[in-house]
C-alpha atoms as a PDB file:
ATOM      1  CA  MET A   1    -110.551-103.887 117.210  1.00  0.00           C
ATOM      2  CA  GLN A   2    -109.698-101.756 120.292  1.00  0.00           C
ATOM      3  CA  LEU A   3    -111.444 -98.765 120.092  1.00  0.00           C
ATOM      4  CA  PRO A   4    -109.604 -96.023 121.788  1.00  0.00           C
ATOM      5  CA  LEU A   5    -111.198 -93.528 123.830  1.00  0.00           C
ATOM      6  CA  SER A   6    -110.838 -89.802 123.866  1.00  0.00           C
ATOM      7  CA  ILE A   7    -110.229 -87.988 127.583  1.00  0.00           C
ATOM      8  CA  LEU A   8    -110.160 -83.739 127.314  1.00  0.00           C
ATOM      9  CA  ILE A   9    -108.758 -81.706 129.579  1.00  0.00           C
ATOM     10  CA  TYR A  10    -109.878 -78.073 130.547  1.00  0.00           C
ATOM     11  CA  HIS A  11    -109.030 -76.158 133.577  1.00  0.00           C
ATOM     12  CA  ARG A  12    -111.010 -73.095 133.066  1.00  0.00           C
ATOM     13  CA  VAL A  13    -114.086 -71.749 130.518  1.00  0.00           C
ATOM     14  CA  VAL A  14    -112.943 -68.090 131.158  1.00  0.00           C
ATOM     15  CA  ALA A  15    -116.340 -65.704 130.363  1.00  0.00           C
ATOM     16  CA  ARG A  16    -114.866 -63.795 127.490  1.00  0.00           C
ATOM     17  CA  PRO A  17    -110.968 -63.937 125.977  1.00  0.00           C
ATOM     18  CA  ASP A  18    -108.310 -63.029 128.112  1.00  0.00           C
ATOM     19  CA  ALA A  19    -105.672 -60.256 126.770  1.00  0.00           C
ATOM     20  CA  LEU A  20    -102.977 -61.991 129.140  1.00  0.00           C
ATOM     21  CA  PHE A  21    -103.952 -65.661 128.363  1.00  0.00           C
ATOM     22  CA  PRO A  22    -105.004 -65.315 125.271  1.00  0.00           C
ATOM     23  CA  GLU A  23    -104.510 -69.473 124.991  1.00  0.00           C
ATOM     24  CA  ARG A  24    -107.426 -69.928 127.923  1.00  0.00           C
ATOM     25  CA  VAL A  25    -110.930 -71.248 126.494  1.00  0.00           C
ATOM     26  CA  ASP A  26    -113.691 -68.474 126.924  1.00  0.00           C
ATOM     27  CA  ALA A  27    -117.269 -69.381 126.544  1.00  0.00           C
ATOM     28  CA  ARG A  28    -117.301 -68.884 122.785  1.00  0.00           C
ATOM     29  CA  ARG A  29    -114.862 -71.341 122.355  1.00  0.00           C
ATOM     30  CA  PHE A  30    -116.180 -73.900 124.356  1.00  0.00           C
ATOM     31  CA  GLU A  31    -119.246 -73.826 122.864  1.00  0.00           C
ATOM     32  CA  GLN A  32    -117.688 -74.794 119.557  1.00  0.00           C
ATOM     33  CA  HIS A  33    -116.132 -77.462 120.757  1.00  0.00           C
ATOM     34  CA  LEU A  34    -119.028 -78.500 122.293  1.00  0.00           C
ATOM     35  CA  ARG A  35    -120.848 -78.182 118.965  1.00  0.00           C
ATOM     36  CA  LEU A  36    -118.008 -80.194 117.439  1.00  0.00           C
ATOM     37  CA  LEU A  37    -117.746 -83.027 119.640  1.00  0.00           C
ATOM     38  CA  THR A  38    -121.251 -83.526 120.163  1.00  0.00           C
ATOM     39  CA  ARG A  39    -121.555 -83.747 115.872  1.00  0.00           C
ATOM     40  CA  TRP A  40    -118.261 -86.265 115.750  1.00  0.00           C
ATOM     41  CA  PHE A  41    -117.992 -88.058 118.928  1.00  0.00           C
ATOM     42  CA  GLN A  42    -120.377 -89.763 121.307  1.00  0.00           C
ATOM     43  CA  VAL A  43    -119.700 -88.234 124.961  1.00  0.00           C
ATOM     44  CA  LEU A  44    -120.138 -89.951 127.671  1.00  0.00           C
ATOM     45  CA  PRO A  45    -119.657 -89.788 131.583  1.00  0.00           C
ATOM     46  CA  LEU A  46    -116.042 -90.937 132.451  1.00  0.00           C
ATOM     47  CA  ALA A  47    -116.888 -93.146 135.018  1.00  0.00           C
ATOM     48  CA  VAL A  48    -119.339 -95.231 132.146  1.00  0.00           C
ATOM     49  CA  ALA A  49    -116.398 -94.952 129.670  1.00  0.00           C
ATOM     50  CA  VAL A  50    -113.640 -96.336 131.998  1.00  0.00           C
ATOM     51  CA  ARG A  51    -116.421 -99.816 132.714  1.00  0.00           C
ATOM     52  CA  GLN A  52    -116.702-100.068 129.063  1.00  0.00           C
ATOM     53  CA  LEU A  53    -113.567 -99.741 127.793  1.00  0.00           C
ATOM     54  CA  ARG A  54    -112.214-102.277 130.374  1.00  0.00           C
ATOM     55  CA  ALA A  55    -115.303-104.389 129.083  1.00  0.00           C
ATOM     56  CA  ARG A  56    -114.230-103.637 125.790  1.00  0.00           C
ATOM     57  CA  THR A  57    -117.550-102.583 124.658  1.00  0.00           C
ATOM     58  CA  LEU A  58    -116.781 -98.938 124.308  1.00  0.00           C
ATOM     59  CA  PRO A  59    -118.838 -97.421 121.448  1.00  0.00           C
ATOM     60  CA  SER A  60    -116.485 -96.056 117.973  1.00  0.00           C
ATOM     61  CA  ARG A  61    -115.702 -92.090 118.842  1.00  0.00           C
ATOM     62  CA  ALA A  62    -115.885 -92.163 122.225  1.00  0.00           C
ATOM     63  CA  ALA A  63    -115.223 -89.059 124.151  1.00  0.00           C
ATOM     64  CA  CYS A  64    -114.750 -87.313 127.659  1.00  0.00           C
ATOM     65  CA  ILE A  65    -114.606 -83.911 129.350  1.00  0.00           C
ATOM     66  CA  THR A  66    -112.837 -83.205 132.231  1.00  0.00           C
ATOM     67  CA  PHE A  67    -112.271 -80.296 134.223  1.00  0.00           C
ATOM     68  CA  ASP A  68    -109.423 -79.994 136.398  1.00  0.00           C
ATOM     69  CA  ASP A  69    -108.673 -77.797 139.823  1.00  0.00           C
ATOM     70  CA  GLY A  70    -112.194 -76.458 140.805  1.00  0.00           C
ATOM     71  CA  TYR A  71    -112.486 -73.312 139.343  1.00  0.00           C
ATOM     72  CA  ALA A  72    -115.849 -71.657 139.952  1.00  0.00           C
ATOM     73  CA  ASP A  73    -116.477 -70.398 136.245  1.00  0.00           C
ATOM     74  CA  SER A  74    -116.612 -74.515 136.044  1.00  0.00           C
ATOM     75  CA  ALA A  75    -120.381 -73.778 137.476  1.00  0.00           C
ATOM     76  CA  ASP A  76    -120.801 -70.030 136.478  1.00  0.00           C
ATOM     77  CA  VAL A  77    -119.610 -70.488 132.953  1.00  0.00           C
ATOM     78  CA  ALA A  78    -119.055 -74.245 131.975  1.00  0.00           C
ATOM     79  CA  LEU A  79    -121.844 -75.928 132.954  1.00  0.00           C
ATOM     80  CA  PRO A  80    -124.903 -74.003 131.511  1.00  0.00           C
ATOM     81  CA  LEU A  81    -123.051 -74.461 128.080  1.00  0.00           C
ATOM     82  CA  LEU A  82    -122.757 -78.330 129.201  1.00  0.00           C
ATOM     83  CA  GLN A  83    -126.253 -78.074 129.996  1.00  0.00           C
ATOM     84  CA  ARG A  84    -127.082 -76.602 126.589  1.00  0.00           C
ATOM     85  CA  TYR A  85    -125.709 -79.194 124.921  1.00  0.00           C
ATOM     86  CA  ARG A  86    -126.837 -82.116 127.198  1.00  0.00           C
ATOM     87  CA  VAL A  87    -123.175 -83.312 127.617  1.00  0.00           C
ATOM     88  CA  PRO A  88    -122.012 -84.713 130.654  1.00  0.00           C
ATOM     89  CA  ALA A  89    -118.608 -84.162 132.451  1.00  0.00           C
ATOM     90  CA  THR A  90    -116.650 -84.811 135.177  1.00  0.00           C
ATOM     91  CA  PHE A  91    -114.348 -82.436 138.071  1.00  0.00           C
ATOM     92  CA  PHE A  92    -112.067 -82.777 139.387  1.00  0.00           C
ATOM     93  CA  VAL A  93    -111.411 -80.992 142.968  1.00  0.00           C
ATOM     94  CA  ALA A  94    -108.861 -80.071 145.139  1.00  0.00           C
ATOM     95  CA  SER A  95    -111.203 -80.200 147.952  1.00  0.00           C
ATOM     96  CA  GLY A  96    -109.147 -77.669 150.097  1.00  0.00           C
ATOM     97  CA  PHE A  97    -110.063 -74.164 148.067  1.00  0.00           C
ATOM     98  CA  LEU A  98    -113.957 -74.930 148.200  1.00  0.00           C
ATOM     99  CA  ASP A  99    -113.563 -72.089 151.103  1.00  0.00           C
ATOM    100  CA  GLY A 100    -112.740 -69.040 149.666  1.00  0.00           C
ATOM    101  CA  GLY A 101    -109.217 -70.521 148.370  1.00  0.00           C
ATOM    102  CA  SER A 102    -107.168 -69.917 145.628  1.00  0.00           C
ATOM    103  CA  LEU A 103    -104.248 -71.621 143.802  1.00  0.00           C
ATOM    104  CA  TRP A 104    -100.765 -69.788 144.191  1.00  0.00           C
ATOM    105  CA  SER A 105    -100.451 -69.591 140.326  1.00  0.00           C
ATOM    106  CA  ASP A 106    -103.448 -67.601 140.324  1.00  0.00           C
ATOM    107  CA  VAL A 107    -102.601 -65.438 143.013  1.00  0.00           C
ATOM    108  CA  VAL A 108     -99.316 -64.670 141.217  1.00  0.00           C
ATOM    109  CA  ILE A 109    -101.282 -63.802 137.872  1.00  0.00           C
ATOM    110  CA  ASP A 110    -103.044 -61.491 139.595  1.00  0.00           C
ATOM    111  CA  ALA A 111    -100.656 -59.817 141.441  1.00  0.00           C
ATOM    112  CA  VAL A 112     -98.909 -59.006 138.153  1.00  0.00           C
ATOM    113  CA  ARG A 113    -102.616 -59.026 136.254  1.00  0.00           C
ATOM    114  CA  GLU A 114    -103.508 -56.197 138.327  1.00  0.00           C
ATOM    115  CA  ALA A 115    -100.430 -54.616 139.560  1.00  0.00           C
ATOM    116  CA  PRO A 116    -100.490 -50.463 138.457  1.00  0.00           C
ATOM    117  CA  GLY A 117     -98.365 -48.516 136.382  1.00  0.00           C
ATOM    118  CA  GLU A 118     -95.304 -49.724 134.021  1.00  0.00           C
ATOM    119  CA  ARG A 119     -92.923 -51.440 136.328  1.00  0.00           C
ATOM    120  CA  LEU A 120     -93.166 -54.000 138.886  1.00  0.00           C
ATOM    121  CA  ASN A 121     -90.630 -54.328 141.908  1.00  0.00           C
ATOM    122  CA  LEU A 122     -90.812 -57.423 143.484  1.00  0.00           C
ATOM    123  CA  GLY A 123     -87.554 -56.835 145.232  1.00  0.00           C
ATOM    124  CA  ARG A 124     -88.763 -57.395 148.406  1.00  0.00           C
ATOM    125  CA  CYS A 125     -89.919 -61.382 147.232  1.00  0.00           C
ATOM    126  CA  GLY A 126     -86.446 -61.932 146.038  1.00  0.00           C
ATOM    127  CA  PHE A 127     -86.791 -61.321 142.424  1.00  0.00           C
ATOM    128  CA  GLY A 128     -85.839 -57.538 140.151  1.00  0.00           C
ATOM    129  CA  SER A 129     -87.610 -54.703 139.148  1.00  0.00           C
ATOM    130  CA  TYR A 130     -89.776 -55.621 135.686  1.00  0.00           C
ATOM    131  CA  ASP A 131     -91.034 -53.700 132.704  1.00  0.00           C
ATOM    132  CA  ILE A 132     -95.046 -54.014 132.747  1.00  0.00           C
ATOM    133  CA  ALA A 133     -96.213 -51.321 130.364  1.00  0.00           C
ATOM    134  CA  CYS A 134     -97.819 -53.690 127.980  1.00  0.00           C
ATOM    135  CA  PRO A 135     -99.719 -56.829 128.128  1.00  0.00           C
ATOM    136  CA  GLN A 136     -96.889 -58.860 126.443  1.00  0.00           C
ATOM    137  CA  ARG A 137     -94.533 -57.912 128.804  1.00  0.00           C
ATOM    138  CA  ARG A 138     -96.894 -58.257 131.772  1.00  0.00           C
ATOM    139  CA  ARG A 139     -97.296 -62.188 130.483  1.00  0.00           C
ATOM    140  CA  ALA A 140     -93.717 -62.301 130.353  1.00  0.00           C
ATOM    141  CA  VAL A 141     -92.652 -61.684 133.832  1.00  0.00           C
ATOM    142  CA  ILE A 142     -96.190 -64.249 134.932  1.00  0.00           C
ATOM    143  CA  ASP A 143     -94.757 -66.990 132.926  1.00  0.00           C
ATOM    144  CA  MET A 144     -90.983 -66.583 133.963  1.00  0.00           C
ATOM    145  CA  LEU A 145     -92.317 -66.205 138.161  1.00  0.00           C
ATOM    146  CA  LEU A 146     -94.654 -69.226 137.688  1.00  0.00           C
ATOM    147  CA  GLU A 147     -91.839 -70.741 136.269  1.00  0.00           C
ATOM    148  CA  THR A 148     -89.104 -69.850 138.742  1.00  0.00           C
ATOM    149  CA  LEU A 149     -91.370 -70.391 141.700  1.00  0.00           C
ATOM    150  CA  ALA A 150     -92.555 -74.165 140.679  1.00  0.00           C
ATOM    151  CA  ALA A 151     -89.124 -75.025 140.668  1.00  0.00           C
ATOM    152  CA  LEU A 152     -88.967 -74.134 144.603  1.00  0.00           C
ATOM    153  CA  PRO A 153     -89.720 -76.556 147.536  1.00  0.00           C
ATOM    154  CA  GLN A 154     -93.524 -76.012 148.517  1.00  0.00           C
ATOM    155  CA  ARG A 155     -92.776 -73.731 151.884  1.00  0.00           C
ATOM    156  CA  GLU A 156     -90.514 -71.225 150.102  1.00  0.00           C
ATOM    157  CA  ARG A 157     -92.876 -71.145 147.403  1.00  0.00           C
ATOM    158  CA  MET A 158     -95.382 -70.628 149.410  1.00  0.00           C
ATOM    159  CA  GLN A 159     -93.560 -67.863 151.672  1.00  0.00           C
ATOM    160  CA  ARG A 160     -92.290 -65.816 148.612  1.00  0.00           C
ATOM    161  CA  VAL A 161     -96.008 -65.478 147.004  1.00  0.00           C
ATOM    162  CA  ALA A 162     -97.199 -64.245 150.210  1.00  0.00           C
ATOM    163  CA  MET A 163     -95.086 -61.859 150.123  1.00  0.00           C
ATOM    164  CA  LEU A 164     -95.881 -61.129 146.207  1.00  0.00           C
ATOM    165  CA  ALA A 165     -99.385 -60.896 147.345  1.00  0.00           C
ATOM    166  CA  ARG A 166    -101.101 -60.142 150.653  1.00  0.00           C
ATOM    167  CA  ARG A 167    -104.695 -61.251 149.203  1.00  0.00           C
ATOM    168  CA  ALA A 168    -105.632 -63.182 146.674  1.00  0.00           C
ATOM    169  CA  SER A 169    -108.994 -63.056 145.099  1.00  0.00           C
ATOM    170  CA  PRO A 170    -111.147 -66.271 145.444  1.00  0.00           C
ATOM    171  CA  SER A 171    -111.153 -67.652 142.615  1.00  0.00           C
ATOM    172  CA  MET A 172    -112.842 -71.539 142.792  1.00  0.00           C
ATOM    173  CA  LEU A 173    -115.872 -73.496 143.446  1.00  0.00           C
ATOM    174  CA  CYS A 174    -117.732 -72.912 147.002  1.00  0.00           C
ATOM    175  CA  PRO A 175    -119.462 -76.152 148.233  1.00  0.00           C
ATOM    176  CA  ASP A 176    -122.790 -74.595 146.992  1.00  0.00           C
ATOM    177  CA  GLN A 177    -121.360 -74.635 143.304  1.00  0.00           C
ATOM    178  CA  LEU A 178    -119.750 -77.913 143.904  1.00  0.00           C
ATOM    179  CA  LEU A 179    -123.416 -79.708 144.956  1.00  0.00           C
ATOM    180  CA  ALA A 180    -125.075 -77.498 141.869  1.00  0.00           C
ATOM    181  CA  LEU A 181    -122.537 -79.540 139.681  1.00  0.00           C
ATOM    182  CA  HIS A 182    -123.169 -82.869 141.025  1.00  0.00           C
ATOM    183  CA  ARG A 183    -126.958 -82.262 140.898  1.00  0.00           C
ATOM    184  CA  ALA A 184    -127.026 -81.361 137.571  1.00  0.00           C
ATOM    185  CA  GLY A 185    -125.857 -84.799 136.471  1.00  0.00           C
ATOM    186  CA  MET A 186    -122.192 -83.968 136.694  1.00  0.00           C
ATOM    187  CA  ASP A 187    -119.363 -86.311 137.800  1.00  0.00           C
ATOM    188  CA  ILE A 188    -117.074 -85.289 140.609  1.00  0.00           C
ATOM    189  CA  GLY A 189    -113.535 -86.251 140.910  1.00  0.00           C
ATOM    190  CA  ALA A 190    -110.937 -85.606 142.918  1.00  0.00           C
ATOM    191  CA  HIS A 191    -107.443 -84.315 143.647  1.00  0.00           C
ATOM    192  CA  PRO A 192    -104.933 -84.206 146.369  1.00  0.00           C
ATOM    193  CA  VAL A 193    -106.851 -82.006 148.760  1.00  0.00           C
ATOM    194  CA  SER A 194    -104.216 -79.374 149.051  1.00  0.00           C
ATOM    195  CA  HIS A 195    -103.286 -79.813 144.992  1.00  0.00           C
ATOM    196  CA  ALA A 196    -100.192 -81.128 145.870  1.00  0.00           C
ATOM    197  CA  VAL A 197     -98.212 -82.679 143.355  1.00  0.00           C
ATOM    198  CA  LEU A 198     -97.762 -86.505 144.604  1.00  0.00           C
ATOM    199  CA  ALA A 199     -94.427 -86.964 143.821  1.00  0.00           C
ATOM    200  CA  ALA A 200     -92.772 -84.153 145.978  1.00  0.00           C
ATOM    201  CA  LEU A 201     -94.159 -85.779 149.082  1.00  0.00           C
ATOM    202  CA  SER A 202     -93.775 -88.560 151.419  1.00  0.00           C
ATOM    203  CA  ASN A 203     -95.918 -91.678 151.292  1.00  0.00           C
ATOM    204  CA  ALA A 204     -97.690 -90.943 154.427  1.00  0.00           C
ATOM    205  CA  GLU A 205     -98.666 -87.261 153.262  1.00  0.00           C
ATOM    206  CA  ALA A 206     -99.491 -88.433 150.077  1.00  0.00           C
ATOM    207  CA  ARG A 207    -102.157 -90.749 151.371  1.00  0.00           C
ATOM    208  CA  ALA A 208    -103.400 -88.331 153.204  1.00  0.00           C
ATOM    209  CA  GLU A 209    -103.603 -85.708 150.632  1.00  0.00           C
ATOM    210  CA  ILE A 210    -105.471 -88.089 148.649  1.00  0.00           C
ATOM    211  CA  ALA A 211    -107.729 -89.441 151.528  1.00  0.00           C
ATOM    212  CA  ALA A 212    -108.628 -86.059 152.910  1.00  0.00           C
ATOM    213  CA  GLY A 213    -109.368 -84.377 149.509  1.00  0.00           C
ATOM    214  CA  ARG A 214    -111.590 -87.075 148.803  1.00  0.00           C
ATOM    215  CA  ALA A 215    -113.631 -86.942 152.290  1.00  0.00           C
ATOM    216  CA  ARG A 216    -114.374 -83.617 151.875  1.00  0.00           C
ATOM    217  CA  LEU A 217    -116.152 -84.201 148.174  1.00  0.00           C
ATOM    218  CA  GLU A 218    -118.212 -86.695 149.734  1.00  0.00           C
ATOM    219  CA  ASP A 219    -119.016 -84.507 152.518  1.00  0.00           C
ATOM    220  CA  VAL A 220    -120.106 -82.026 150.329  1.00  0.00           C
ATOM    221  CA  ILE A 221    -121.962 -83.791 147.711  1.00  0.00           C
ATOM    222  CA  GLN A 222    -123.220 -87.039 149.655  1.00  0.00           C
ATOM    223  CA  ALA A 223    -121.947 -89.118 147.061  1.00  0.00           C
ATOM    224  CA  PRO A 224    -118.929 -92.062 146.258  1.00  0.00           C
ATOM    225  CA  VAL A 225    -115.973 -89.948 144.690  1.00  0.00           C
ATOM    226  CA  ARG A 226    -114.165 -93.452 142.591  1.00  0.00           C
ATOM    227  CA  LEU A 227    -112.260 -90.812 140.046  1.00  0.00           C
ATOM    228  CA  PHE A 228    -108.964 -89.078 140.535  1.00  0.00           C
ATOM    229  CA  ALA A 229    -106.660 -86.876 138.565  1.00  0.00           C
ATOM    230  CA  TYR A 230    -103.082 -85.862 139.455  1.00  0.00           C
ATOM    231  CA  PRO A 231    -101.881 -82.716 139.415  1.00  0.00           C
ATOM    232  CA  SER A 232     -99.794 -81.744 136.279  1.00  0.00           C
ATOM    233  CA  GLY A 233     -99.842 -85.086 136.130  1.00  0.00           C
ATOM    234  CA  ARG A 234     -96.637 -85.859 133.633  1.00  0.00           C
ATOM    235  CA  PRO A 235     -96.078 -90.090 134.472  1.00  0.00           C
ATOM    236  CA  GLY A 236     -92.791 -90.608 136.002  1.00  0.00           C
ATOM    237  CA  ARG A 237     -92.378 -86.928 137.061  1.00  0.00           C
ATOM    238  CA  ASP A 238     -95.578 -85.582 139.171  1.00  0.00           C
ATOM    239  CA  PHE A 239     -96.747 -89.194 140.034  1.00  0.00           C
ATOM    240  CA  GLU A 240     -95.388 -92.651 139.888  1.00  0.00           C
ATOM    241  CA  LYS A 241     -96.755 -96.109 140.348  1.00  0.00           C
ATOM    242  CA  ARG A 242     -96.848 -95.690 144.175  1.00  0.00           C
ATOM    243  CA  HIS A 243     -99.536 -93.165 143.744  1.00  0.00           C
ATOM    244  CA  ALA A 244    -101.570 -95.363 141.197  1.00  0.00           C
ATOM    245  CA  ASN A 245    -101.307 -98.464 144.175  1.00  0.00           C
ATOM    246  CA  MET A 246    -102.564 -95.920 147.257  1.00  0.00           C
ATOM    247  CA  LEU A 247    -105.555 -94.617 144.950  1.00  0.00           C
ATOM    248  CA  ARG A 248    -106.281 -98.573 144.280  1.00  0.00           C
ATOM    249  CA  SER A 249    -105.973 -98.959 148.297  1.00  0.00           C
ATOM    250  CA  GLN A 250    -108.135 -96.482 148.609  1.00  0.00           C
ATOM    251  CA  GLY A 251    -110.869 -97.680 146.319  1.00  0.00           C
ATOM    252  CA  PHE A 252    -110.498 -95.656 143.521  1.00  0.00           C
ATOM    253  CA  ASP A 253    -111.806 -96.935 139.981  1.00  0.00           C
ATOM    254  CA  ALA A 254    -109.535 -95.022 137.900  1.00  0.00           C
ATOM    255  CA  ALA A 255    -106.950 -91.880 137.302  1.00  0.00           C
ATOM    256  CA  VAL A 256    -106.181 -89.635 134.901  1.00  0.00           C
ATOM    257  CA  THR A 257    -103.144 -87.788 133.606  1.00  0.00           C
ATOM    258  CA  SER A 258    -101.901 -85.241 131.356  1.00  0.00           C
ATOM    259  CA  ALA A 259    -100.251 -87.719 129.096  1.00  0.00           C
ATOM    260  CA  TRP A 260    -101.112 -87.081 125.857  1.00  0.00           C
ATOM    261  CA  GLY A 261    -102.669 -89.746 123.564  1.00  0.00           C
ATOM    262  CA  ALA A 262    -105.836 -91.953 123.868  1.00  0.00           C
ATOM    263  CA  ALA A 263    -107.161 -94.670 126.585  1.00  0.00           C
ATOM    264  CA  ARG A 264    -107.231 -97.949 124.897  1.00  0.00           C
ATOM    265  CA  PRO A 265    -108.723-101.544 127.002  1.00  0.00           C
ATOM    266  CA  ASP A 266    -105.067-102.501 128.068  1.00  0.00           C
ATOM    267  CA  THR A 267    -104.552 -98.979 129.090  1.00  0.00           C
ATOM    268  CA  ASP A 268    -103.675 -98.894 133.003  1.00  0.00           C
ATOM    269  CA  PRO A 269    -107.143 -97.116 134.069  1.00  0.00           C
ATOM    270  CA  PHE A 270    -104.535 -94.929 136.861  1.00  0.00           C
ATOM    271  CA  GLU A 271    -103.096 -93.620 133.985  1.00  0.00           C
ATOM    272  CA  LEU A 272    -105.304 -92.939 131.493  1.00  0.00           C
ATOM    273  CA  PRO A 273    -104.142 -90.230 129.067  1.00  0.00           C
ATOM    274  CA  ARG A 274    -105.974 -86.899 128.153  1.00  0.00           C
ATOM    275  CA  PHE A 275    -105.589 -84.181 124.991  1.00  0.00           C
ATOM    276  CA  THR A 276    -105.454 -80.733 125.800  1.00  0.00           C
ATOM    277  CA  PRO A 277    -107.928 -78.892 123.397  1.00  0.00           C
ATOM    278  CA  TRP A 278    -106.041 -75.431 122.971  1.00  0.00           C
ATOM    279  CA  ASP A 279    -106.600 -75.124 118.484  1.00  0.00           C
ATOM    280  CA  ARG A 280    -108.565 -71.890 117.371  1.00  0.00           C
ATOM    281  CA  SER A 281    -110.344 -73.230 114.673  1.00  0.00           C
ATOM    282  CA  SER A 282    -112.752 -75.822 114.060  1.00  0.00           C
ATOM    283  CA  GLY A 283    -110.471 -77.517 111.752  1.00  0.00           C
ATOM    284  CA  GLY A 284    -107.276 -77.282 114.041  1.00  0.00           C
ATOM    285  CA  PHE A 285    -108.957 -78.853 117.004  1.00  0.00           C
ATOM    286  CA  LEU A 286    -110.358 -81.622 114.965  1.00  0.00           C
ATOM    287  CA  LEU A 287    -107.186 -82.550 113.162  1.00  0.00           C
ATOM    288  CA  ARG A 288    -105.378 -82.570 116.644  1.00  0.00           C
ATOM    289  CA  LEU A 289    -108.116 -84.291 118.150  1.00  0.00           C
ATOM    290  CA  GLY A 290    -107.418 -87.158 115.214  1.00  0.00           C
ATOM    291  CA  GLY A 291    -104.078 -86.433 115.434  1.00  0.00           C
ATOM    292  CA  ASN A 292    -104.101 -87.347 119.540  1.00  0.00           C
ATOM    293  CA  LEU A 293    -106.091 -90.895 118.951  1.00  0.00           C
ATOM    294  CA  LEU A 294    -102.625 -92.115 116.749  1.00  0.00           C
ATOM    295  CA  ILE A 295    -100.281 -91.451 119.441  1.00  0.00           C
ATOM    296  CA  PRO A 296     -98.574 -94.989 120.312  1.00  0.00           C
ATOM    297  CA  PRO A 297     -99.678 -96.312 124.085  1.00  0.00           C
ATOM    298  CA  ALA A 298     -96.802 -95.240 126.398  1.00  0.00           C
END
């Protein structure tokens, strides 16, 4: 019998519900998830689960928790809850942001969130003037900007983001927080150093992004980093087989994607699928997680 592995993907656990992003997992909802997971699943470190999956020794109802990007609330909000429930997790960190950085998407979100008044004029950035008189309209402007900017070449995108907001509030882990996660027994995995989508890079650029991202993390935690997460993570769109081969050649053990489904012994360890837990109710969370186990392998 091929026992499947459920791998959950989180990005942030915010301290309180976010009116602009109600789908974001807050501390209360994350604790609810942890209660359900520890009751109904065996939560394992990802590195251990990957080895057991290959050896076909994975226990029943196995699950792993992962976090992408390296937000500071991983240490401030998520870690205390993980420790309270004695649950391991793996944190995939874009090490280029360890010294007070912010992802371009967060710069955009903060610029619209904090804009005064009821209209936002973005003519200098190549956009228009928008009504932001209520949270729903602010969110609509944010979604439009993120979708439009994401489709641009990286250099143009960053130029327009810089015009939109001259200063951004740091939202990512600092080296001391990263080290605290490691010392608390959490696994640390790598992202490309700048969180770049690998498919948009040349082979040489992709190799350099992978190597530099890992090297900085290993320098901070003084331990090997052998797991990787593809930014955005859609197979065939955000990364390709050539990128999995790069990871193999650099000595990584496994890599995770954003494709839904559960991993099985015959799943390529460099294309491990993950589940996104966005349901608010306990029943919905468990039903969706159960349904995720039934998704056929790609």
